N, C-alpha and C. Protein backbone atom coordinates (compact mmCIF):
# COMPACT_ATOMS: atom_id res chain seq x y z
N MET A 1 -61.54 -29.74 -18.60
CA MET A 1 -60.23 -29.26 -19.04
C MET A 1 -60.37 -27.81 -19.50
N PRO A 2 -59.56 -26.87 -18.93
CA PRO A 2 -59.71 -25.47 -19.32
C PRO A 2 -59.38 -25.24 -20.78
N GLY A 3 -60.10 -24.31 -21.39
CA GLY A 3 -59.85 -23.98 -22.78
C GLY A 3 -58.63 -23.11 -22.93
N PRO A 4 -58.20 -22.91 -24.15
CA PRO A 4 -57.00 -22.10 -24.39
C PRO A 4 -57.16 -20.66 -23.94
N GLY A 5 -58.39 -20.12 -24.00
CA GLY A 5 -58.60 -18.74 -23.55
C GLY A 5 -58.34 -18.60 -22.06
N LEU A 6 -58.83 -19.58 -21.27
CA LEU A 6 -58.63 -19.54 -19.83
C LEU A 6 -57.16 -19.68 -19.49
N VAL A 7 -56.47 -20.57 -20.16
CA VAL A 7 -55.03 -20.76 -19.91
C VAL A 7 -54.27 -19.47 -20.17
N ALA A 8 -54.63 -18.78 -21.25
CA ALA A 8 -53.95 -17.52 -21.59
C ALA A 8 -54.16 -16.49 -20.50
N ARG A 9 -55.45 -16.42 -19.98
CA ARG A 9 -55.73 -15.43 -18.94
C ARG A 9 -54.95 -15.77 -17.66
N LEU A 10 -54.86 -17.05 -17.32
CA LEU A 10 -54.10 -17.46 -16.13
C LEU A 10 -52.63 -17.10 -16.26
N LEU A 11 -52.08 -17.28 -17.45
CA LEU A 11 -50.67 -16.93 -17.67
C LEU A 11 -50.44 -15.44 -17.52
N LEU A 12 -51.42 -14.63 -18.02
CA LEU A 12 -51.30 -13.18 -17.88
C LEU A 12 -51.35 -12.76 -16.43
N LEU A 13 -52.24 -13.42 -15.64
CA LEU A 13 -52.34 -13.11 -14.22
C LEU A 13 -51.08 -13.49 -13.46
N ALA A 14 -50.43 -14.56 -13.89
CA ALA A 14 -49.25 -15.05 -13.18
C ALA A 14 -48.01 -14.23 -13.49
N ALA A 15 -47.98 -13.54 -14.63
CA ALA A 15 -46.79 -12.82 -15.07
C ALA A 15 -46.31 -11.79 -14.07
N PRO A 16 -47.21 -10.93 -13.50
CA PRO A 16 -46.71 -9.93 -12.54
C PRO A 16 -46.05 -10.56 -11.32
N PHE A 17 -46.63 -11.68 -10.84
CA PHE A 17 -46.06 -12.35 -9.67
C PHE A 17 -44.70 -12.94 -9.98
N ALA A 18 -44.52 -13.44 -11.20
CA ALA A 18 -43.22 -13.97 -11.61
C ALA A 18 -42.19 -12.85 -11.63
N ALA A 19 -42.64 -11.67 -12.13
CA ALA A 19 -41.73 -10.53 -12.18
C ALA A 19 -41.33 -10.10 -10.78
N LEU A 20 -42.35 -10.10 -9.86
CA LEU A 20 -42.06 -9.73 -8.47
C LEU A 20 -41.06 -10.70 -7.86
N GLY A 21 -41.20 -11.98 -8.18
CA GLY A 21 -40.28 -12.99 -7.67
C GLY A 21 -38.87 -12.74 -8.16
N ALA A 22 -38.76 -12.37 -9.44
CA ALA A 22 -37.44 -12.10 -10.01
C ALA A 22 -36.81 -10.90 -9.34
N CYS A 23 -37.65 -9.84 -9.09
CA CYS A 23 -37.12 -8.65 -8.42
C CYS A 23 -36.67 -8.98 -7.02
N ALA A 24 -37.48 -9.80 -6.32
CA ALA A 24 -37.11 -10.17 -4.96
C ALA A 24 -35.80 -10.92 -4.94
N GLY A 25 -35.64 -11.79 -5.95
CA GLY A 25 -34.37 -12.54 -6.03
C GLY A 25 -33.20 -11.62 -6.26
N GLY A 26 -33.42 -10.59 -7.13
CA GLY A 26 -32.35 -9.63 -7.41
C GLY A 26 -32.00 -8.85 -6.17
N GLU A 27 -33.08 -8.45 -5.39
CA GLU A 27 -32.83 -7.70 -4.17
C GLU A 27 -32.07 -8.54 -3.17
N ALA A 28 -32.39 -9.81 -3.09
CA ALA A 28 -31.70 -10.69 -2.15
C ALA A 28 -30.24 -10.80 -2.51
N GLU A 29 -29.98 -10.91 -3.82
CA GLU A 29 -28.59 -11.02 -4.27
C GLU A 29 -27.84 -9.73 -3.97
N SER A 30 -28.56 -8.57 -4.18
CA SER A 30 -27.93 -7.29 -3.91
C SER A 30 -27.65 -7.13 -2.42
N ALA A 31 -28.62 -7.60 -1.59
CA ALA A 31 -28.47 -7.47 -0.15
C ALA A 31 -27.28 -8.27 0.36
N ALA A 32 -26.92 -9.31 -0.37
CA ALA A 32 -25.78 -10.13 0.06
C ALA A 32 -24.51 -9.31 0.06
N GLY A 33 -24.46 -8.26 -0.79
CA GLY A 33 -23.33 -7.35 -0.79
C GLY A 33 -22.11 -7.93 -1.45
N PRO A 34 -21.03 -7.13 -1.48
CA PRO A 34 -19.78 -7.57 -2.12
C PRO A 34 -19.09 -8.64 -1.30
N ASP A 35 -18.20 -9.38 -1.94
CA ASP A 35 -17.44 -10.37 -1.20
C ASP A 35 -16.34 -9.67 -0.42
N ALA A 36 -15.59 -10.46 0.37
CA ALA A 36 -14.60 -9.88 1.28
C ALA A 36 -13.53 -9.10 0.53
N GLU A 37 -13.11 -9.63 -0.62
CA GLU A 37 -12.05 -8.96 -1.39
C GLU A 37 -12.53 -7.61 -1.91
N GLU A 38 -13.79 -7.57 -2.43
CA GLU A 38 -14.34 -6.33 -2.94
C GLU A 38 -14.52 -5.32 -1.82
N GLU A 39 -14.96 -5.80 -0.65
CA GLU A 39 -15.18 -4.91 0.48
C GLU A 39 -13.86 -4.31 0.95
N ALA A 40 -12.79 -5.12 0.98
CA ALA A 40 -11.48 -4.62 1.38
C ALA A 40 -11.01 -3.55 0.41
N ALA A 41 -11.25 -3.78 -0.89
CA ALA A 41 -10.84 -2.80 -1.90
C ALA A 41 -11.59 -1.49 -1.72
N MET A 42 -12.88 -1.57 -1.36
CA MET A 42 -13.68 -0.36 -1.18
C MET A 42 -13.26 0.42 0.05
N ASN A 43 -12.82 -0.30 1.09
CA ASN A 43 -12.47 0.34 2.36
C ASN A 43 -10.98 0.61 2.50
N LYS A 44 -10.21 0.36 1.46
CA LYS A 44 -8.76 0.47 1.58
C LYS A 44 -8.33 1.90 1.86
N GLU A 45 -7.16 1.99 2.52
CA GLU A 45 -6.51 3.27 2.74
C GLU A 45 -5.11 3.19 2.14
N THR A 46 -4.48 4.35 2.01
CA THR A 46 -3.17 4.41 1.36
C THR A 46 -2.16 5.07 2.29
N ALA A 47 -0.97 4.51 2.33
CA ALA A 47 0.14 5.08 3.08
C ALA A 47 1.35 5.16 2.15
N THR A 48 2.21 6.14 2.37
CA THR A 48 3.40 6.30 1.53
C THR A 48 4.61 6.55 2.41
N PHE A 49 5.65 5.71 2.21
CA PHE A 49 6.85 5.77 3.04
C PHE A 49 8.10 5.81 2.18
N GLY A 50 9.08 6.60 2.61
CA GLY A 50 10.42 6.57 2.05
C GLY A 50 11.37 6.09 3.13
N ALA A 51 12.06 5.01 2.88
CA ALA A 51 12.93 4.41 3.90
C ALA A 51 14.19 3.85 3.25
N GLY A 52 14.79 4.63 2.37
CA GLY A 52 15.95 4.13 1.63
C GLY A 52 15.51 3.49 0.33
N CYS A 53 16.24 2.49 -0.10
CA CYS A 53 15.94 1.80 -1.35
C CYS A 53 14.55 1.19 -1.32
N PHE A 54 13.75 1.49 -2.34
CA PHE A 54 12.37 0.99 -2.30
C PHE A 54 12.29 -0.52 -2.47
N TRP A 55 13.33 -1.15 -3.01
CA TRP A 55 13.31 -2.61 -3.11
C TRP A 55 13.20 -3.23 -1.72
N CYS A 56 13.96 -2.69 -0.77
CA CYS A 56 13.96 -3.23 0.60
C CYS A 56 12.63 -2.99 1.28
N THR A 57 12.14 -1.76 1.18
CA THR A 57 10.90 -1.41 1.87
C THR A 57 9.73 -2.23 1.34
N GLU A 58 9.68 -2.39 0.04
CA GLU A 58 8.62 -3.17 -0.59
C GLU A 58 8.67 -4.62 -0.12
N ALA A 59 9.88 -5.20 -0.06
CA ALA A 59 10.03 -6.61 0.30
C ALA A 59 9.52 -6.89 1.70
N VAL A 60 9.61 -5.90 2.59
CA VAL A 60 9.11 -6.07 3.95
C VAL A 60 7.60 -5.89 4.00
N LEU A 61 7.11 -4.76 3.53
CA LEU A 61 5.71 -4.41 3.74
C LEU A 61 4.74 -5.30 2.97
N GLU A 62 5.15 -5.83 1.83
CA GLU A 62 4.23 -6.64 1.05
C GLU A 62 3.94 -7.99 1.72
N GLN A 63 4.67 -8.32 2.78
CA GLN A 63 4.44 -9.59 3.48
C GLN A 63 3.48 -9.47 4.66
N LEU A 64 3.06 -8.26 4.97
CA LEU A 64 2.23 -8.06 6.15
C LEU A 64 0.76 -8.35 5.86
N ASP A 65 0.13 -9.08 6.76
CA ASP A 65 -1.29 -9.39 6.61
C ASP A 65 -2.11 -8.10 6.68
N GLY A 66 -2.97 -7.91 5.72
CA GLY A 66 -3.77 -6.70 5.66
C GLY A 66 -3.28 -5.71 4.62
N VAL A 67 -2.04 -5.90 4.16
CA VAL A 67 -1.52 -5.07 3.07
C VAL A 67 -2.04 -5.65 1.75
N LEU A 68 -2.71 -4.83 0.97
CA LEU A 68 -3.34 -5.28 -0.26
C LEU A 68 -2.44 -5.13 -1.47
N ASP A 69 -1.62 -4.09 -1.48
CA ASP A 69 -0.76 -3.85 -2.64
C ASP A 69 0.36 -2.90 -2.23
N VAL A 70 1.55 -3.12 -2.80
CA VAL A 70 2.68 -2.24 -2.57
C VAL A 70 3.29 -1.90 -3.93
N ARG A 71 3.45 -0.61 -4.19
CA ARG A 71 4.02 -0.16 -5.46
C ARG A 71 5.22 0.73 -5.19
N SER A 72 6.31 0.46 -5.86
CA SER A 72 7.50 1.30 -5.73
C SER A 72 7.38 2.50 -6.66
N GLY A 73 7.90 3.64 -6.21
CA GLY A 73 7.81 4.83 -7.04
C GLY A 73 8.57 6.00 -6.46
N TYR A 74 8.19 7.18 -6.89
CA TYR A 74 8.90 8.40 -6.53
C TYR A 74 7.91 9.47 -6.08
N MET A 75 8.31 10.25 -5.06
CA MET A 75 7.46 11.32 -4.56
C MET A 75 8.34 12.40 -3.94
N GLY A 76 7.84 13.62 -3.93
CA GLY A 76 8.51 14.69 -3.20
C GLY A 76 9.36 15.62 -4.03
N GLY A 77 9.43 15.42 -5.33
CA GLY A 77 10.23 16.27 -6.18
C GLY A 77 9.38 17.22 -7.01
N ALA A 78 10.07 18.05 -7.79
CA ALA A 78 9.37 19.04 -8.61
C ALA A 78 9.10 18.56 -10.03
N ALA A 79 9.97 17.73 -10.57
CA ALA A 79 9.83 17.30 -11.96
C ALA A 79 8.70 16.26 -12.10
N ALA A 80 8.00 16.33 -13.21
CA ALA A 80 6.94 15.36 -13.49
C ALA A 80 7.51 14.15 -14.22
N ASN A 81 6.94 12.99 -13.91
CA ASN A 81 7.32 11.74 -14.57
C ASN A 81 8.82 11.48 -14.57
N PRO A 82 9.44 11.51 -13.41
CA PRO A 82 10.88 11.27 -13.34
C PRO A 82 11.22 9.81 -13.64
N THR A 83 12.37 9.59 -14.20
CA THR A 83 12.86 8.23 -14.44
C THR A 83 13.78 7.83 -13.29
N TYR A 84 14.04 6.54 -13.20
CA TYR A 84 14.94 6.03 -12.17
C TYR A 84 16.32 6.68 -12.31
N GLU A 85 16.79 6.78 -13.53
CA GLU A 85 18.11 7.38 -13.77
C GLU A 85 18.15 8.82 -13.30
N GLN A 86 17.08 9.57 -13.51
CA GLN A 86 17.04 10.96 -13.06
C GLN A 86 17.00 11.05 -11.54
N VAL A 87 16.17 10.22 -10.92
CA VAL A 87 16.06 10.25 -9.46
C VAL A 87 17.39 9.87 -8.81
N CYS A 88 18.10 8.93 -9.42
CA CYS A 88 19.38 8.47 -8.86
C CYS A 88 20.44 9.56 -8.83
N THR A 89 20.27 10.61 -9.62
CA THR A 89 21.24 11.70 -9.59
C THR A 89 21.09 12.54 -8.32
N GLY A 90 19.96 12.42 -7.66
CA GLY A 90 19.71 13.20 -6.45
C GLY A 90 19.36 14.65 -6.72
N THR A 91 19.10 14.99 -7.98
CA THR A 91 18.84 16.39 -8.34
C THR A 91 17.36 16.70 -8.57
N THR A 92 16.50 15.69 -8.59
CA THR A 92 15.08 15.94 -8.89
C THR A 92 14.27 16.27 -7.63
N GLY A 93 14.82 15.98 -6.47
CA GLY A 93 14.10 16.23 -5.23
C GLY A 93 13.20 15.08 -4.80
N HIS A 94 13.09 14.05 -5.64
CA HIS A 94 12.22 12.92 -5.30
C HIS A 94 12.91 11.97 -4.32
N ALA A 95 12.09 11.32 -3.54
CA ALA A 95 12.54 10.21 -2.70
C ALA A 95 12.03 8.91 -3.30
N GLU A 96 12.81 7.86 -3.17
CA GLU A 96 12.29 6.53 -3.50
C GLU A 96 11.29 6.16 -2.41
N VAL A 97 10.09 5.81 -2.81
CA VAL A 97 9.04 5.51 -1.85
C VAL A 97 8.30 4.25 -2.24
N VAL A 98 7.52 3.75 -1.29
CA VAL A 98 6.53 2.72 -1.60
C VAL A 98 5.17 3.26 -1.22
N GLN A 99 4.21 3.04 -2.09
CA GLN A 99 2.83 3.41 -1.79
C GLN A 99 2.07 2.12 -1.46
N VAL A 100 1.47 2.13 -0.29
CA VAL A 100 0.88 0.92 0.28
C VAL A 100 -0.64 1.07 0.37
N ASP A 101 -1.37 0.18 -0.28
CA ASP A 101 -2.81 0.08 -0.08
C ASP A 101 -3.05 -0.98 0.99
N PHE A 102 -3.83 -0.63 2.01
CA PHE A 102 -4.04 -1.58 3.10
C PHE A 102 -5.49 -1.57 3.57
N ASP A 103 -5.89 -2.67 4.19
CA ASP A 103 -7.23 -2.82 4.74
C ASP A 103 -7.16 -2.45 6.22
N PRO A 104 -7.70 -1.30 6.62
CA PRO A 104 -7.59 -0.88 8.02
C PRO A 104 -8.31 -1.80 9.00
N ALA A 105 -9.18 -2.66 8.49
CA ALA A 105 -9.85 -3.62 9.37
C ALA A 105 -8.91 -4.76 9.76
N ARG A 106 -7.80 -4.92 9.00
CA ARG A 106 -6.87 -6.02 9.26
C ARG A 106 -5.51 -5.53 9.74
N ILE A 107 -5.11 -4.35 9.32
CA ILE A 107 -3.85 -3.78 9.79
C ILE A 107 -4.03 -2.27 9.88
N SER A 108 -3.64 -1.71 11.00
CA SER A 108 -3.84 -0.28 11.22
C SER A 108 -2.68 0.53 10.67
N TYR A 109 -2.92 1.82 10.48
CA TYR A 109 -1.86 2.73 10.05
C TYR A 109 -0.76 2.77 11.11
N ASP A 110 -1.14 2.73 12.38
CA ASP A 110 -0.15 2.73 13.46
C ASP A 110 0.76 1.51 13.37
N THR A 111 0.20 0.36 13.01
CA THR A 111 1.03 -0.85 12.87
C THR A 111 1.99 -0.70 11.71
N LEU A 112 1.54 -0.13 10.61
CA LEU A 112 2.45 0.13 9.49
C LEU A 112 3.57 1.06 9.91
N LEU A 113 3.25 2.07 10.71
CA LEU A 113 4.28 2.98 11.20
C LEU A 113 5.29 2.24 12.08
N ASP A 114 4.82 1.33 12.91
CA ASP A 114 5.74 0.53 13.74
C ASP A 114 6.73 -0.23 12.86
N TRP A 115 6.24 -0.81 11.77
CA TRP A 115 7.12 -1.53 10.84
C TRP A 115 8.07 -0.56 10.14
N PHE A 116 7.59 0.62 9.83
CA PHE A 116 8.44 1.63 9.18
C PHE A 116 9.67 1.91 10.03
N TRP A 117 9.50 2.10 11.33
CA TRP A 117 10.65 2.39 12.20
C TRP A 117 11.58 1.20 12.31
N LYS A 118 11.04 0.00 12.21
CA LYS A 118 11.87 -1.21 12.36
C LYS A 118 12.66 -1.55 11.12
N LEU A 119 12.14 -1.19 9.93
CA LEU A 119 12.75 -1.71 8.71
C LEU A 119 13.90 -0.85 8.18
N HIS A 120 14.18 0.30 8.83
CA HIS A 120 15.30 1.13 8.37
C HIS A 120 15.85 1.94 9.54
N ASP A 121 16.93 2.66 9.30
CA ASP A 121 17.53 3.51 10.31
C ASP A 121 17.07 4.95 10.07
N PRO A 122 16.18 5.48 10.92
CA PRO A 122 15.66 6.82 10.69
C PRO A 122 16.55 7.93 11.26
N THR A 123 17.78 7.58 11.65
CA THR A 123 18.68 8.57 12.25
C THR A 123 19.80 9.01 11.31
N THR A 124 19.83 8.45 10.10
CA THR A 124 20.91 8.79 9.17
C THR A 124 20.36 9.68 8.06
N PRO A 125 20.75 10.96 8.03
CA PRO A 125 20.21 11.88 7.01
C PRO A 125 20.63 11.47 5.60
N ASN A 126 19.63 11.30 4.74
CA ASN A 126 19.89 11.04 3.32
C ASN A 126 20.80 9.83 3.11
N ARG A 127 20.61 8.83 3.93
CA ARG A 127 21.46 7.64 3.78
C ARG A 127 20.81 6.42 4.42
N GLN A 128 20.94 5.27 3.74
CA GLN A 128 20.63 3.97 4.30
C GLN A 128 21.75 3.02 3.88
N GLY A 129 22.63 2.69 4.81
CA GLY A 129 23.76 1.84 4.47
C GLY A 129 24.64 2.48 3.43
N ASN A 130 24.87 1.76 2.34
CA ASN A 130 25.70 2.29 1.25
C ASN A 130 24.92 3.13 0.25
N ASP A 131 23.60 3.23 0.44
CA ASP A 131 22.77 4.05 -0.43
C ASP A 131 22.77 5.48 0.11
N VAL A 132 23.39 6.39 -0.64
CA VAL A 132 23.57 7.76 -0.17
C VAL A 132 22.95 8.74 -1.16
N GLY A 133 22.22 9.74 -0.63
CA GLY A 133 21.61 10.75 -1.48
C GLY A 133 20.24 11.13 -0.94
N THR A 134 19.75 12.30 -1.35
CA THR A 134 18.44 12.75 -0.87
C THR A 134 17.32 11.82 -1.28
N GLN A 135 17.54 11.05 -2.34
CA GLN A 135 16.50 10.11 -2.79
C GLN A 135 16.30 8.96 -1.80
N TYR A 136 17.24 8.81 -0.87
CA TYR A 136 17.13 7.74 0.13
C TYR A 136 16.76 8.27 1.51
N ARG A 137 16.25 9.49 1.57
CA ARG A 137 15.91 10.08 2.87
C ARG A 137 14.76 9.34 3.54
N SER A 138 14.70 9.46 4.85
CA SER A 138 13.62 8.87 5.64
C SER A 138 12.47 9.86 5.69
N VAL A 139 11.32 9.45 5.17
CA VAL A 139 10.20 10.38 5.07
C VAL A 139 8.87 9.64 5.10
N ILE A 140 7.91 10.26 5.77
CA ILE A 140 6.53 9.76 5.77
C ILE A 140 5.68 10.80 5.04
N PHE A 141 5.09 10.41 3.94
CA PHE A 141 4.19 11.29 3.21
C PHE A 141 2.77 10.99 3.67
N VAL A 142 2.12 11.97 4.28
CA VAL A 142 0.80 11.73 4.87
C VAL A 142 -0.31 12.14 3.90
N HIS A 143 -1.40 11.37 3.94
CA HIS A 143 -2.53 11.58 3.03
C HIS A 143 -3.73 12.23 3.70
N SER A 144 -3.61 12.53 4.99
CA SER A 144 -4.72 13.17 5.71
C SER A 144 -4.17 13.77 7.00
N GLU A 145 -4.98 14.60 7.62
CA GLU A 145 -4.58 15.18 8.90
C GLU A 145 -4.49 14.09 9.97
N ALA A 146 -5.38 13.10 9.89
CA ALA A 146 -5.33 12.00 10.84
C ALA A 146 -4.01 11.24 10.72
N GLN A 147 -3.56 11.01 9.49
CA GLN A 147 -2.27 10.34 9.30
C GLN A 147 -1.13 11.20 9.85
N ARG A 148 -1.22 12.51 9.67
CA ARG A 148 -0.16 13.38 10.19
C ARG A 148 -0.06 13.26 11.71
N ARG A 149 -1.20 13.32 12.37
CA ARG A 149 -1.19 13.22 13.83
C ARG A 149 -0.64 11.86 14.28
N ALA A 150 -1.06 10.80 13.58
CA ALA A 150 -0.58 9.46 13.94
C ALA A 150 0.92 9.33 13.70
N ALA A 151 1.41 9.89 12.59
CA ALA A 151 2.84 9.81 12.28
C ALA A 151 3.67 10.58 13.28
N GLU A 152 3.21 11.77 13.66
CA GLU A 152 3.96 12.57 14.63
C GLU A 152 3.99 11.89 15.99
N ALA A 153 2.87 11.32 16.41
CA ALA A 153 2.83 10.61 17.69
C ALA A 153 3.72 9.38 17.65
N SER A 154 3.70 8.69 16.52
CA SER A 154 4.52 7.49 16.37
C SER A 154 6.00 7.84 16.39
N ARG A 155 6.37 8.92 15.74
CA ARG A 155 7.77 9.36 15.75
C ARG A 155 8.23 9.69 17.16
N GLU A 156 7.35 10.31 17.93
CA GLU A 156 7.69 10.65 19.32
C GLU A 156 7.92 9.39 20.14
N ARG A 157 7.06 8.39 19.94
CA ARG A 157 7.22 7.13 20.67
C ARG A 157 8.49 6.40 20.26
N ALA A 158 8.82 6.50 18.96
CA ALA A 158 9.98 5.76 18.43
C ALA A 158 11.30 6.30 18.94
N LYS A 159 11.33 7.53 19.41
CA LYS A 159 12.58 8.15 19.84
C LYS A 159 13.31 7.34 20.90
N LYS A 160 12.55 6.71 21.78
CA LYS A 160 13.16 5.96 22.88
C LYS A 160 13.94 4.75 22.39
N GLY A 161 13.71 4.32 21.16
CA GLY A 161 14.39 3.14 20.62
C GLY A 161 15.70 3.45 19.92
N PHE A 162 16.08 4.73 19.85
CA PHE A 162 17.30 5.12 19.13
C PHE A 162 18.16 6.03 20.00
N THR A 163 19.46 5.86 19.90
CA THR A 163 20.37 6.69 20.67
C THR A 163 20.63 8.02 19.98
N LYS A 164 20.45 8.08 18.66
CA LYS A 164 20.64 9.30 17.90
C LYS A 164 19.29 9.92 17.55
N PRO A 165 19.27 11.20 17.25
CA PRO A 165 17.99 11.85 16.90
C PRO A 165 17.40 11.29 15.61
N ILE A 166 16.09 11.16 15.58
CA ILE A 166 15.38 10.74 14.37
C ILE A 166 15.31 11.93 13.41
N VAL A 167 15.64 11.71 12.15
CA VAL A 167 15.64 12.79 11.16
C VAL A 167 14.49 12.65 10.17
N THR A 168 13.60 11.73 10.41
CA THR A 168 12.49 11.45 9.48
C THR A 168 11.60 12.66 9.27
N GLU A 169 11.36 13.00 8.01
CA GLU A 169 10.44 14.08 7.67
C GLU A 169 9.00 13.55 7.66
N ILE A 170 8.07 14.41 8.04
CA ILE A 170 6.64 14.10 7.90
C ILE A 170 6.03 15.24 7.10
N VAL A 171 5.65 14.95 5.86
CA VAL A 171 5.18 16.00 4.94
C VAL A 171 3.95 15.51 4.19
N ASP A 172 3.22 16.46 3.61
CA ASP A 172 2.03 16.11 2.84
C ASP A 172 2.41 15.31 1.60
N ALA A 173 1.59 14.33 1.29
CA ALA A 173 1.81 13.53 0.07
C ALA A 173 1.59 14.41 -1.15
N GLY A 174 2.41 14.19 -2.16
CA GLY A 174 2.26 14.88 -3.44
C GLY A 174 1.98 13.86 -4.52
N PRO A 175 2.19 14.22 -5.76
CA PRO A 175 1.99 13.26 -6.86
C PRO A 175 2.90 12.05 -6.71
N PHE A 176 2.33 10.89 -6.93
CA PHE A 176 3.10 9.64 -6.87
C PHE A 176 3.37 9.18 -8.30
N PHE A 177 4.64 8.96 -8.59
CA PHE A 177 5.03 8.48 -9.91
C PHE A 177 5.52 7.04 -9.77
N GLU A 178 4.75 6.12 -10.34
CA GLU A 178 5.10 4.71 -10.21
C GLU A 178 6.41 4.42 -10.95
N ALA A 179 7.28 3.67 -10.31
CA ALA A 179 8.57 3.34 -10.90
C ALA A 179 8.40 2.37 -12.07
N GLU A 180 9.45 2.23 -12.83
CA GLU A 180 9.44 1.35 -13.99
C GLU A 180 9.08 -0.08 -13.58
N ASP A 181 8.52 -0.82 -14.53
CA ASP A 181 8.01 -2.16 -14.25
C ASP A 181 9.04 -3.07 -13.59
N TYR A 182 10.29 -2.97 -14.00
CA TYR A 182 11.29 -3.90 -13.48
C TYR A 182 11.61 -3.67 -12.01
N HIS A 183 11.14 -2.55 -11.44
CA HIS A 183 11.34 -2.30 -10.01
C HIS A 183 10.25 -2.94 -9.16
N GLN A 184 9.10 -3.23 -9.76
CA GLN A 184 7.98 -3.75 -8.98
C GLN A 184 8.23 -5.21 -8.59
N ASP A 185 7.95 -5.53 -7.31
CA ASP A 185 8.20 -6.89 -6.79
C ASP A 185 9.63 -7.32 -7.09
N TYR A 186 10.56 -6.39 -6.94
CA TYR A 186 11.94 -6.66 -7.35
C TYR A 186 12.54 -7.84 -6.60
N TYR A 187 12.37 -7.87 -5.29
CA TYR A 187 13.01 -8.94 -4.51
C TYR A 187 12.46 -10.31 -4.91
N ARG A 188 11.18 -10.42 -5.07
CA ARG A 188 10.58 -11.71 -5.41
C ARG A 188 11.11 -12.26 -6.73
N GLY A 189 11.41 -11.36 -7.66
CA GLY A 189 11.88 -11.82 -8.97
C GLY A 189 13.38 -11.85 -9.12
N ASN A 190 14.12 -11.40 -8.09
CA ASN A 190 15.58 -11.28 -8.24
C ASN A 190 16.32 -11.70 -6.98
N LYS A 191 15.86 -12.73 -6.33
CA LYS A 191 16.46 -13.13 -5.05
C LYS A 191 17.92 -13.53 -5.16
N ARG A 192 18.36 -13.92 -6.35
CA ARG A 192 19.75 -14.34 -6.52
C ARG A 192 20.69 -13.17 -6.79
N GLN A 193 20.14 -11.98 -7.01
CA GLN A 193 20.99 -10.82 -7.24
C GLN A 193 21.78 -10.48 -5.97
N PRO A 194 23.04 -10.05 -6.11
CA PRO A 194 23.87 -9.76 -4.93
C PRO A 194 23.21 -8.79 -3.95
N TYR A 195 22.56 -7.72 -4.45
CA TYR A 195 21.94 -6.75 -3.54
C TYR A 195 20.86 -7.43 -2.70
N CYS A 196 20.11 -8.29 -3.33
CA CYS A 196 19.05 -9.01 -2.60
C CYS A 196 19.65 -9.96 -1.57
N GLN A 197 20.69 -10.69 -1.96
CA GLN A 197 21.28 -11.67 -1.06
C GLN A 197 21.99 -11.04 0.13
N PHE A 198 22.65 -9.89 -0.11
CA PHE A 198 23.48 -9.31 0.94
C PHE A 198 22.80 -8.18 1.72
N VAL A 199 21.70 -7.67 1.19
CA VAL A 199 21.03 -6.57 1.88
C VAL A 199 19.60 -6.95 2.29
N ILE A 200 18.80 -7.40 1.32
CA ILE A 200 17.38 -7.60 1.61
C ILE A 200 17.13 -8.88 2.40
N THR A 201 17.74 -9.98 1.99
CA THR A 201 17.51 -11.24 2.70
C THR A 201 17.91 -11.14 4.17
N PRO A 202 19.08 -10.60 4.51
CA PRO A 202 19.42 -10.44 5.93
C PRO A 202 18.42 -9.55 6.68
N LYS A 203 17.90 -8.53 6.01
CA LYS A 203 16.91 -7.67 6.65
C LYS A 203 15.64 -8.45 6.98
N LEU A 204 15.17 -9.26 6.04
CA LEU A 204 13.98 -10.05 6.27
C LEU A 204 14.20 -11.06 7.40
N GLU A 205 15.40 -11.66 7.42
CA GLU A 205 15.72 -12.61 8.49
C GLU A 205 15.72 -11.92 9.85
N LYS A 206 16.30 -10.73 9.90
CA LYS A 206 16.35 -9.99 11.16
C LYS A 206 14.96 -9.64 11.66
N LEU A 207 14.05 -9.35 10.73
CA LEU A 207 12.69 -8.97 11.10
C LEU A 207 11.78 -10.17 11.30
N GLY A 208 12.30 -11.37 11.08
CA GLY A 208 11.50 -12.57 11.26
C GLY A 208 10.47 -12.79 10.18
N LEU A 209 10.76 -12.31 8.97
CA LEU A 209 9.83 -12.46 7.86
C LEU A 209 10.31 -13.52 6.88
N GLU A 210 9.39 -13.97 6.04
CA GLU A 210 9.71 -14.98 5.02
C GLU A 210 10.72 -14.43 4.03
N LYS A 211 11.67 -15.25 3.65
CA LYS A 211 12.69 -14.83 2.68
C LYS A 211 12.16 -14.96 1.26
């Protein structure tokens, strides 16, 4: 039977190998990499669209597979931190927009552009239905030169689908000001409101999306 001195020496010899095993385990765990959700978040891209009332635009785009998040807000004006009441006056220069985070491995920017042309009328200057004012203008705010080229090509292709000229602006993205909390996910939380019932629900039905 080994004495206590020998046991102690054996334990000391084994310690480095145990440490190596632990490191190897850590490396294996690290090699496994992030899960799918984390990877999508790391690879996400951002698109920003103005297509009239942001409640409508948000209700459509948030249902698309590959869209990670949609936030309603304001872009394109000079004033900082505008409120909804200020933007509604049409004097701040901001457009109501949605900022979309998406996974390009699941949905492309071109596909988002296709939905943009379908979900509103890009031939009516500063107007969508009964919503009138510069804050409701049709606009694509681009976040890169690649997005600009894609948006311009998409606009050219979309022309054949409309009898009137497309008036959609394509401009560089500026500061995005997130709208007040009660505007976020507005349709999901307010489906019984008249605007939702008479404007948004019919739009979703026309596009073949979930109500």
